[in-house]
Amino acid sequence: MLKLFALALTLLVGTAHADDTLHTDLPLSYLEQTQGNARNQPLVIFLHGFGSNEQDLFGIKDALPATWTYLSVRAPMPVDANGFRWFTKTPGDGEYDGVTADLQSSARLIKDFVGKATAKYHTRSDRVFLVGFSQGAIMSYEVALRDPQLVRGIAALSGSVLPVLKAQLKRDEALDKLAIFIGHGTLDQVLPYASATQANEVLTGLGLKPEFHGYAGMNHTVSEAEVQDLKAWLEKSLK
């Protein structure tokens, strides 16, 4: 989880107060921060990692433009009373992978959520971003690489492109407008740094141009430096 990071970030940049209400009017439960009239504002949707919840990434918004709309989504499958997952990891010590039925089910929910959130907040798909950590990053790849028209871009923080998706990807002109940010720590103990470099190779092989950031000495977390790089990428992607 990233709670310590989120607390530190809030103390450093403390800006707008978040809405602590868990909203349930869309296909997935979520937290929301919006400033007044959200029409045509960029929409950033956070997808947390395994065993965490909708509160975990929400602090990142405090380092991003205050006028944008931010939603932080709860994954559909419980791990414990306060933790959730997007999919079940397949057993074994091989390459990190997920149960296909879980991946497909969660991808459908995220796609439905993105479409309905885009309409609810009166924005356009070319102003919508998914920012995912770990399993949330994996799901961001799953959704955007299969249906790139849904979003402007994705930020994959400490994630990977799973084997089944990798095997099915083909060159597609629809992918050309998809902006991608990859951030990963060199000492990640959950998803190794090679997961990011391999994802980068897969995407560049499809003709895409991911913005790749490796963070020396960082483990399976998000650093302040990564958030600042993310902010710069989001702003640049909207120009």
Protein backbone atom coordinates (compact mmCIF):
# COMPACT_ATOMS: atom_id res chain seq x y z
CA MET A 1 0.00 0.00 0.00
CA LEU A 2 1.01 3.63 -0.45
CA LYS A 3 -0.56 5.22 2.62
CA LEU A 4 2.71 6.53 4.04
CA PHE A 5 3.53 8.10 0.70
CA ALA A 6 0.07 9.63 0.44
CA LEU A 7 0.36 11.12 3.92
CA ALA A 8 3.77 12.62 3.17
CA LEU A 9 2.51 14.02 -0.11
CA THR A 10 -0.51 15.61 1.59
CA LEU A 11 1.73 17.27 4.17
CA LEU A 12 4.00 18.60 1.44
CA VAL A 13 1.48 19.98 -1.00
CA GLY A 14 -1.77 20.05 1.00
CA THR A 15 -4.34 21.55 -1.33
CA ALA A 16 -8.01 20.83 -1.90
CA HIS A 17 -9.94 18.71 0.57
CA ALA A 18 -11.06 15.38 -0.84
CA ASP A 19 -14.60 14.10 -0.74
CA ASP A 20 -14.51 11.09 1.63
CA THR A 21 -17.89 9.81 0.44
CA LEU A 22 -17.79 6.42 -1.28
CA HIS A 23 -19.95 6.90 -4.38
CA THR A 24 -21.86 3.94 -5.79
CA ASP A 25 -23.77 5.40 -8.76
CA LEU A 26 -21.29 4.06 -11.35
CA PRO A 27 -20.34 0.41 -12.09
CA LEU A 28 -17.52 0.52 -9.49
CA SER A 29 -17.45 2.29 -6.12
CA TYR A 30 -15.21 5.37 -6.05
CA LEU A 31 -14.02 8.52 -4.31
CA GLU A 32 -14.39 11.84 -6.09
CA GLN A 33 -12.81 15.26 -6.17
CA THR A 34 -14.18 17.84 -8.57
CA GLN A 35 -13.96 21.62 -8.51
CA GLY A 36 -17.27 23.31 -9.24
CA ASN A 37 -18.30 22.95 -12.87
CA ALA A 38 -16.35 19.92 -14.11
CA ARG A 39 -17.48 20.28 -17.72
CA ASN A 40 -14.63 19.66 -20.18
CA GLN A 41 -12.07 19.30 -17.37
CA PRO A 42 -9.50 16.50 -17.64
CA LEU A 43 -10.61 13.35 -15.82
CA VAL A 44 -8.02 11.23 -13.99
CA ILE A 45 -9.10 7.79 -12.74
CA PHE A 46 -6.90 6.00 -10.20
CA LEU A 47 -6.78 2.17 -10.06
CA HIS A 48 -5.15 0.78 -6.91
CA GLY A 49 -3.06 -2.34 -6.46
CA PHE A 50 -3.63 -5.76 -4.87
CA GLY A 51 -4.92 -5.74 -1.29
CA SER A 52 -5.43 -1.99 -1.23
CA ASN A 53 -8.48 0.21 -1.75
CA GLU A 54 -9.77 3.44 -3.26
CA GLN A 55 -8.03 5.62 -0.65
CA ASP A 56 -4.52 4.45 -1.48
CA LEU A 57 -3.67 6.48 -4.60
CA PHE A 58 -6.06 9.35 -3.98
CA GLY A 59 -3.39 11.53 -2.31
CA ILE A 60 -1.56 11.83 -5.64
CA LYS A 61 -4.25 14.26 -6.80
CA ASP A 62 -2.93 16.87 -4.36
CA ALA A 63 0.18 17.27 -6.50
CA LEU A 64 -1.87 17.63 -9.71
CA PRO A 65 -3.92 20.57 -11.06
CA ALA A 66 -6.72 21.44 -8.63
CA THR A 67 -9.28 22.20 -11.33
CA TRP A 68 -9.23 18.69 -12.81
CA THR A 69 -11.63 15.90 -11.83
CA TYR A 70 -10.23 12.92 -9.91
CA LEU A 71 -11.88 9.58 -9.23
CA SER A 72 -10.29 6.75 -7.25
CA VAL A 73 -11.90 3.38 -7.85
CA ARG A 74 -12.33 0.32 -5.63
CA ALA A 75 -11.53 -3.03 -7.25
CA PRO A 76 -14.48 -5.49 -7.25
CA MET A 77 -12.95 -8.52 -5.50
CA PRO A 78 -12.38 -8.47 -1.71
CA VAL A 79 -9.12 -9.69 -0.19
CA ASP A 80 -10.05 -8.75 3.37
CA ALA A 81 -12.26 -6.21 5.14
CA ASN A 82 -10.36 -3.21 3.75
CA GLY A 83 -8.46 -4.64 0.79
CA PHE A 84 -9.50 -5.51 -2.75
CA ARG A 85 -8.04 -6.95 -5.95
CA TRP A 86 -8.74 -6.74 -9.67
CA PHE A 87 -7.86 -10.37 -10.36
CA THR A 88 -6.49 -13.54 -8.83
CA LYS A 89 -2.85 -14.23 -9.56
CA THR A 90 -2.26 -17.56 -11.25
CA PRO A 91 -0.32 -20.00 -9.04
CA GLY A 92 3.31 -20.85 -9.59
CA ASP A 93 6.65 -19.09 -9.75
CA GLY A 94 6.59 -18.26 -13.46
CA GLU A 95 5.92 -14.86 -15.04
CA TYR A 96 3.29 -12.88 -13.13
CA ASP A 97 -0.10 -13.60 -14.69
CA GLY A 98 -3.79 -13.46 -13.81
CA VAL A 99 -6.86 -15.67 -14.03
CA THR A 100 -8.42 -14.91 -17.43
CA ALA A 101 -12.02 -14.77 -16.21
CA ASP A 102 -11.07 -12.23 -13.51
CA LEU A 103 -9.16 -10.07 -15.99
CA GLN A 104 -12.06 -10.06 -18.42
CA SER A 105 -14.64 -9.32 -15.74
CA SER A 106 -12.68 -6.43 -14.24
CA ALA A 107 -11.83 -5.04 -17.67
CA ARG A 108 -15.53 -4.95 -18.55
CA LEU A 109 -16.32 -3.12 -15.32
CA ILE A 110 -13.54 -0.57 -15.86
CA LYS A 111 -14.59 0.08 -19.45
CA ASP A 112 -18.19 0.60 -18.37
CA PHE A 113 -17.04 2.84 -15.52
CA VAL A 114 -14.84 4.95 -17.80
CA GLY A 115 -17.60 5.43 -20.36
CA LYS A 116 -20.20 6.42 -17.77
CA ALA A 117 -17.80 8.65 -15.82
CA THR A 118 -16.83 10.44 -19.03
CA ALA A 119 -20.50 11.20 -19.60
CA LYS A 120 -21.26 12.08 -15.95
CA TYR A 121 -18.46 14.65 -15.74
CA HIS A 122 -19.17 16.11 -19.19
CA THR A 123 -15.72 15.59 -20.60
CA ARG A 124 -14.34 13.85 -23.70
CA SER A 125 -12.47 10.60 -24.02
CA ASP A 126 -9.38 12.48 -25.26
CA ARG A 127 -9.20 14.15 -21.82
CA VAL A 128 -9.48 10.96 -19.75
CA PHE A 129 -6.51 9.19 -18.13
CA LEU A 130 -6.10 5.95 -16.20
CA VAL A 131 -3.39 6.00 -13.52
CA GLY A 132 -2.82 2.52 -12.13
CA PHE A 133 -0.43 1.01 -9.60
CA SER A 134 0.62 -2.67 -9.71
CA GLN A 135 -2.58 -4.64 -10.49
CA GLY A 136 -4.18 -1.28 -11.34
CA ALA A 137 -1.40 -0.64 -13.86
CA ILE A 138 -1.92 -4.11 -15.32
CA MET A 139 -5.63 -3.38 -15.73
CA SER A 140 -4.84 0.00 -17.32
CA TYR A 141 -2.87 -1.85 -20.00
CA GLU A 142 -5.65 -4.43 -20.37
CA VAL A 143 -8.29 -1.78 -20.96
CA ALA A 144 -6.46 0.84 -23.00
CA LEU A 145 -4.48 -1.45 -25.31
CA ARG A 146 -7.65 -3.33 -26.25
CA ASP A 147 -9.94 -0.26 -26.44
CA PRO A 148 -7.71 2.79 -26.96
CA GLN A 149 -10.64 5.03 -27.95
CA LEU A 150 -11.81 5.10 -24.31
CA VAL A 151 -8.96 7.26 -23.00
CA ARG A 152 -6.26 9.74 -23.94
CA GLY A 153 -3.62 7.86 -22.05
CA ILE A 154 -2.54 5.60 -19.20
CA ALA A 155 0.13 5.77 -16.52
CA ALA A 156 1.41 2.33 -15.52
CA LEU A 157 3.16 2.63 -12.15
CA SER A 158 5.02 -0.53 -11.10
CA GLY A 159 3.02 -2.70 -13.49
CA SER A 160 3.41 -5.12 -16.38
CA VAL A 161 1.81 -6.27 -19.62
CA LEU A 162 0.54 -9.77 -18.84
CA PRO A 163 1.48 -12.68 -21.13
CA VAL A 164 -2.03 -13.21 -22.55
CA LEU A 165 -2.34 -9.55 -23.56
CA LYS A 166 1.18 -9.49 -24.94
CA ALA A 167 0.42 -12.49 -27.14
CA GLN A 168 -2.74 -10.90 -28.56
CA LEU A 169 -1.49 -7.38 -29.29
CA LYS A 170 -1.17 -6.39 -32.93
CA ARG A 171 -0.23 -3.22 -34.74
CA ASP A 172 -3.30 -0.99 -34.87
CA GLU A 173 -3.54 2.63 -36.00
CA ALA A 174 -6.10 3.23 -33.24
CA LEU A 175 -3.25 2.89 -30.73
CA ASP A 176 -1.26 5.74 -32.24
CA LYS A 177 -2.99 8.46 -30.21
CA LEU A 178 -2.58 6.62 -26.90
CA ALA A 179 -0.19 8.37 -24.52
CA ILE A 180 1.61 6.02 -22.11
CA PHE A 181 3.70 6.72 -19.01
CA ILE A 182 5.73 3.87 -17.50
CA GLY A 183 7.26 4.33 -14.06
CA HIS A 184 9.04 1.59 -12.12
CA GLY A 185 11.55 1.22 -9.29
CA THR A 186 14.76 -0.64 -9.97
CA LEU A 187 14.44 -2.53 -6.66
CA ASP A 188 10.79 -3.54 -7.02
CA GLN A 189 10.38 -6.77 -5.06
CA VAL A 190 6.85 -7.60 -6.29
CA LEU A 191 7.00 -6.94 -10.03
CA PRO A 192 10.66 -6.77 -11.09
CA TYR A 193 12.08 -3.84 -13.01
CA ALA A 194 12.28 -6.11 -16.06
CA SER A 195 8.45 -6.06 -16.14
CA ALA A 196 8.64 -2.40 -17.08
CA THR A 197 11.45 -2.71 -19.60
CA GLN A 198 9.66 -5.60 -21.29
CA ALA A 199 6.41 -3.63 -21.43
CA ASN A 200 8.32 -0.76 -22.98
CA GLU A 201 9.77 -3.10 -25.62
CA VAL A 202 6.34 -4.54 -26.43
CA LEU A 203 4.81 -1.09 -26.86
CA THR A 204 7.63 0.36 -28.93
CA GLY A 205 7.37 -2.74 -31.10
CA LEU A 206 3.78 -1.72 -31.83
CA GLY A 207 4.94 1.71 -32.94
CA LEU A 208 3.99 3.44 -29.69
CA LYS A 209 6.21 5.91 -27.86
CA PRO A 210 5.90 5.36 -24.11
CA GLU A 211 7.56 7.82 -21.76
CA PHE A 212 9.71 5.55 -19.62
CA HIS A 213 11.01 6.42 -16.15
CA GLY A 214 13.13 4.14 -14.01
CA TYR A 215 13.71 5.13 -10.39
CA ALA A 216 17.00 3.97 -8.91
CA GLY A 217 16.69 2.33 -5.50
CA MET A 218 12.86 2.50 -5.40
CA ASN A 219 10.90 -0.61 -4.43
CA HIS A 220 7.20 -1.41 -5.01
CA THR A 221 5.86 2.06 -4.25
CA VAL A 222 5.45 5.54 -5.74
CA SER A 223 7.96 8.30 -5.04
CA GLU A 224 7.53 12.07 -4.99
CA ALA A 225 9.84 12.29 -8.00
CA GLU A 226 7.60 9.89 -9.90
CA VAL A 227 4.52 11.97 -9.08
CA GLN A 228 6.22 15.09 -10.41
CA ASP A 229 7.15 13.23 -13.61
CA LEU A 230 3.54 12.00 -13.84
CA LYS A 231 2.23 15.55 -13.48
CA ALA A 232 4.49 16.83 -16.26
CA TRP A 233 3.43 13.96 -18.53
CA LEU A 234 -0.29 14.50 -17.91
CA GLU A 235 -0.03 18.21 -18.70
CA LYS A 236 2.05 17.57 -21.79
CA SER A 237 -0.38 14.92 -23.04
CA LEU A 238 -3.23 17.44 -23.04
CA LYS A 239 -1.45 19.94 -25.30
